């Protein structure tokens, strides 16, 4: 996919990343909410099953996020025409470190600024 500008690229990947549903961990049952130890034991068994399912969903969520980040990296480097530059990996490390906490748009801003040094 080709992008006309960095904002368009960042917006596309922001929307893609936000479309992934974040899995919610089930709340742990409290002993005080159950009349007997048996009821509480059943609730704890169900909770442990729910936590195991949540862990799997969380792994899937992380994998999807990594895939989106990799696609973003490829699209950004293509947009900046740096895909085959010999220092592309170091460039990516720097822009990712400096911008990822601010989102894809911040990464694009950092990349556009630093790309001039590689031209």
Protein backbone atom coordinates (compact mmCIF):
# COMPACT_ATOMS: atom_id res chain seq x y z
CA UNK A 1 0.00 0.00 0.00
CA UNK A 2 1.34 3.43 -0.96
CA UNK A 3 0.85 6.49 1.21
CA UNK A 4 0.84 10.13 0.10
CA UNK A 5 2.21 11.49 3.36
CA UNK A 6 3.42 10.46 6.78
CA UNK A 7 0.23 11.52 8.52
CA UNK A 8 -1.85 9.24 6.31
CA UNK A 9 0.53 6.35 7.01
CA UNK A 10 0.45 6.90 10.78
CA UNK A 11 -3.34 7.26 10.83
CA UNK A 12 -3.81 4.03 8.88
CA UNK A 13 -1.64 2.03 11.30
CA UNK A 14 -3.11 3.72 14.39
CA UNK A 15 -6.58 2.63 13.26
CA UNK A 16 -5.33 -0.87 12.54
CA UNK A 17 -3.72 -1.15 15.97
CA UNK A 18 -6.75 0.26 17.77
CA UNK A 19 -9.00 -2.25 16.02
CA UNK A 20 -7.42 -5.09 18.02
CA UNK A 21 -9.58 -5.89 21.03
CA UNK A 22 -7.55 -5.84 24.23
CA UNK A 23 -8.34 -8.95 26.29
CA UNK A 24 -9.71 -8.28 29.76
CA UNK A 25 -8.50 -10.46 32.61
CA UNK A 26 -11.36 -12.00 34.59
CA UNK A 27 -11.69 -10.75 38.18
CA UNK A 28 -10.62 -13.17 40.88
CA UNK A 29 -13.50 -14.41 43.05
CA UNK A 30 -13.54 -13.35 46.67
CA UNK A 31 -14.11 -15.94 49.39
CA UNK A 32 -16.56 -13.67 51.16
CA UNK A 33 -18.95 -13.84 48.17
CA UNK A 34 -19.55 -17.59 48.61
CA UNK A 35 -21.46 -19.46 51.32
CA UNK A 36 -19.39 -22.63 51.22
CA UNK A 37 -15.86 -23.71 50.42
CA UNK A 38 -17.25 -25.95 47.67
CA UNK A 39 -18.91 -23.01 45.86
CA UNK A 40 -15.75 -20.98 46.22
CA UNK A 41 -13.68 -23.90 44.85
CA UNK A 42 -15.92 -24.14 41.79
CA UNK A 43 -15.63 -20.39 41.26
CA UNK A 44 -11.83 -20.55 41.57
CA UNK A 45 -11.66 -23.42 39.05
CA UNK A 46 -13.73 -21.37 36.60
CA UNK A 47 -11.52 -18.34 37.25
CA UNK A 48 -8.33 -20.34 36.61
CA UNK A 49 -9.80 -21.56 33.32
CA UNK A 50 -10.70 -17.98 32.44
CA UNK A 51 -7.18 -16.77 33.27
CA UNK A 52 -5.67 -19.49 31.04
CA UNK A 53 -7.94 -18.38 28.18
CA UNK A 54 -7.04 -14.74 28.86
CA UNK A 55 -3.31 -15.56 28.67
CA UNK A 56 -3.81 -17.17 25.25
CA UNK A 57 -5.84 -14.18 24.03
CA UNK A 58 -3.16 -11.86 25.38
CA UNK A 59 -0.45 -13.75 23.47
CA UNK A 60 -2.56 -13.44 20.32
CA UNK A 61 -3.09 -9.72 20.98
CA UNK A 62 0.67 -9.21 21.35
CA UNK A 63 1.38 -11.20 18.17
CA UNK A 64 -1.12 -9.11 16.21
CA UNK A 65 0.44 -5.93 17.57
CA UNK A 66 3.92 -7.07 16.57
CA UNK A 67 2.67 -7.91 13.06
CA UNK A 68 1.16 -4.44 12.73
CA UNK A 69 4.40 -2.86 13.95
CA UNK A 70 6.39 -4.85 11.37
CA UNK A 71 3.99 -3.84 8.59
CA UNK A 72 4.27 -0.22 9.76
CA UNK A 73 8.05 -0.42 9.69
CA UNK A 74 8.03 -1.80 6.14
CA UNK A 75 5.52 0.82 4.95
CA UNK A 76 7.43 3.68 6.60
CA UNK A 77 10.77 2.63 5.16
CA UNK A 78 9.15 2.23 1.74
CA UNK A 79 7.52 5.68 2.05
CA UNK A 80 10.90 7.21 2.94
CA UNK A 81 12.63 5.14 0.22
CA UNK A 82 15.09 3.72 2.74
CA UNK A 83 14.24 0.03 2.44
CA UNK A 84 17.65 -0.95 1.06
CA UNK A 85 19.79 1.58 2.88
CA UNK A 86 22.76 -0.07 4.63
CA UNK A 87 21.99 1.66 7.95
CA UNK A 88 18.25 1.04 7.90
CA UNK A 89 18.20 -1.14 11.02
CA UNK A 90 20.11 1.38 13.14
CA UNK A 91 17.85 4.12 11.73
CA UNK A 92 14.77 2.09 12.74
CA UNK A 93 16.11 1.45 16.26
CA UNK A 94 16.61 5.19 16.77
CA UNK A 95 13.24 6.36 15.43
CA UNK A 96 11.39 3.58 17.26
CA UNK A 97 13.10 4.38 20.57
CA UNK A 98 12.53 8.11 20.22
CA UNK A 99 8.94 7.97 18.98
CA UNK A 100 7.05 4.80 19.92
CA UNK A 101 5.72 6.08 23.23
CA UNK A 102 3.96 8.87 21.32
CA UNK A 103 2.38 6.59 18.73
CA UNK A 104 2.90 5.99 15.04
CA UNK A 105 2.64 9.68 14.15
CA UNK A 106 5.55 10.52 16.44
CA UNK A 107 7.62 7.75 14.86
CA UNK A 108 6.86 9.18 11.41
CA UNK A 109 7.93 12.66 12.57
CA UNK A 110 11.20 11.29 13.96
CA UNK A 111 11.81 9.23 10.82
CA UNK A 112 11.11 12.13 8.45
CA UNK A 113 13.47 14.32 10.45
CA UNK A 114 16.31 11.79 10.58
CA UNK A 115 15.82 10.49 7.02
CA UNK A 116 17.44 13.67 5.72
CA UNK A 117 20.71 12.52 7.28
CA UNK A 118 20.68 9.30 5.25
CA UNK A 119 19.94 10.93 1.89
